[in-house]
Protein backbone atom coordinates (compact mmCIF):
# COMPACT_ATOMS: atom_id res chain seq x y z
CA MET A 1 106.95 237.15 5.43
CA THR A 2 107.99 237.46 9.06
CA LYS A 3 105.82 236.64 12.05
CA SER A 4 105.40 240.36 12.72
CA GLU A 5 104.24 240.96 9.14
CA LEU A 6 101.83 238.04 9.48
CA ILE A 7 100.38 239.56 12.65
CA ASP A 8 99.98 242.95 10.93
CA LYS A 9 98.25 241.39 7.93
CA PHE A 10 95.98 239.30 10.14
CA ALA A 11 95.02 242.33 12.25
CA LYS A 12 94.20 244.35 9.15
CA ASN A 13 92.21 241.57 7.40
CA ALA A 14 90.26 240.62 10.54
CA ASP A 15 89.84 244.27 11.60
CA ILE A 16 91.11 243.60 15.11
CA SER A 17 93.88 245.14 17.22
CA ARG A 18 97.47 244.14 16.59
CA GLN A 19 97.72 242.85 20.17
CA ARG A 20 94.70 240.55 19.72
CA ALA A 21 96.05 239.34 16.38
CA ALA A 22 99.41 238.58 18.05
CA HIS A 23 97.64 236.45 20.70
CA ILE A 24 95.78 234.52 18.00
CA VAL A 25 98.88 233.92 15.88
CA ASP A 26 100.89 232.88 18.95
CA ALA A 27 98.11 230.50 20.05
CA PHE A 28 98.04 228.95 16.57
CA PHE A 29 101.80 228.36 16.50
CA ASP A 30 101.86 227.12 20.11
CA SER A 31 99.13 224.60 19.29
CA LEU A 32 100.97 223.49 16.15
CA ILE A 33 104.22 223.02 18.07
CA ALA A 34 102.50 221.15 20.93
CA GLY A 35 100.79 218.83 18.47
CA LEU A 36 104.04 218.04 16.67
CA ALA A 37 105.90 217.59 19.96
CA SER A 38 103.40 214.93 21.01
CA GLY A 39 103.87 213.13 17.69
CA ASN A 40 100.57 214.09 16.09
CA ARG A 41 100.06 214.76 12.40
CA ILE A 42 98.38 218.10 11.71
CA GLU A 43 96.29 218.51 8.56
CA ILE A 44 95.08 221.91 7.38
CA ARG A 45 92.74 221.42 4.43
CA ASN A 46 93.78 223.12 1.19
CA PHE A 47 97.12 224.07 2.77
CA GLY A 48 99.08 220.98 3.79
CA ASN A 49 100.15 218.47 6.42
CA PHE A 50 102.66 218.88 9.21
CA SER A 51 104.27 215.83 10.78
CA VAL A 52 107.51 214.74 12.40
CA ARG A 53 110.03 212.31 10.98
CA ASP A 54 112.62 210.27 12.82
CA TYR A 55 116.14 210.26 11.42
CA ARG A 56 118.72 207.65 12.40
CA GLY A 57 122.14 208.61 13.66
CA TYR A 58 125.04 208.44 11.21
CA ILE A 59 128.74 209.07 10.84
CA GLY A 60 129.31 212.48 9.30
CA ARG A 61 132.38 214.52 8.54
CA ASN A 62 133.43 217.84 10.02
CA PRO A 63 133.93 220.01 6.92
CA LYS A 64 136.56 222.19 8.59
CA SER A 65 138.85 219.50 10.00
CA GLY A 66 137.80 216.45 7.97
CA ASP A 67 137.37 214.40 11.16
CA SER A 68 134.59 211.82 11.40
CA VAL A 69 131.86 212.73 13.88
CA TYR A 70 128.75 210.90 15.04
CA VAL A 71 125.52 212.76 14.32
CA GLN A 72 122.88 211.71 16.84
CA GLU A 73 119.43 210.49 15.83
CA LYS A 74 116.86 213.25 15.74
CA VAL A 75 113.24 214.13 15.13
CA LEU A 76 112.55 216.92 12.62
CA PRO A 77 109.37 218.63 11.44
CA TYR A 78 108.14 217.84 7.93
CA PHE A 79 105.64 219.73 5.77
CA LYS A 80 103.87 218.45 2.68
CA ALA A 81 101.85 220.97 0.66
CA SER A 82 98.31 220.01 -0.35
CA LEU A 83 97.36 219.48 -3.97
CA ALA A 84 95.16 222.59 -3.81
CA LEU A 85 98.09 224.73 -2.62
CA ARG A 86 100.43 223.29 -5.26
CA ARG A 87 97.84 224.04 -7.96
CA MET A 88 97.46 227.64 -6.72
CA LEU A 89 101.23 228.14 -6.91
CA ASN A 90 101.58 226.41 -10.31
CA PRO A 91 98.33 227.13 -12.19
CA GLY A 92 99.47 225.97 -15.64
CA GLU A 93 101.09 222.73 -14.51
CA GLN A 94 99.48 219.46 -15.55
CA PRO A 95 99.11 216.76 -12.87
CA SER A 96 101.61 213.92 -13.16
CA LYS A 97 100.29 210.42 -13.80
């Protein structure tokens, strides 16, 4: 589903204009991004958790030339689905012990 499709679905389900739905969806994503950028963990009950993870720099290899290159350290977003969401997606699966 694209962002545009999400906006359309939200507008239809909430019975609001597409423009208003777009503002709401944009505000949600802007808030999510701002929270992650400031290092906060974001928890949405029955959906999952968003956080950021730090990755150390390392020596990689350019696949085209085979030369060694340094890959700088970076911060990347991470998402972990909630147990409720995993159970909705896999209804017959037994929980692991």
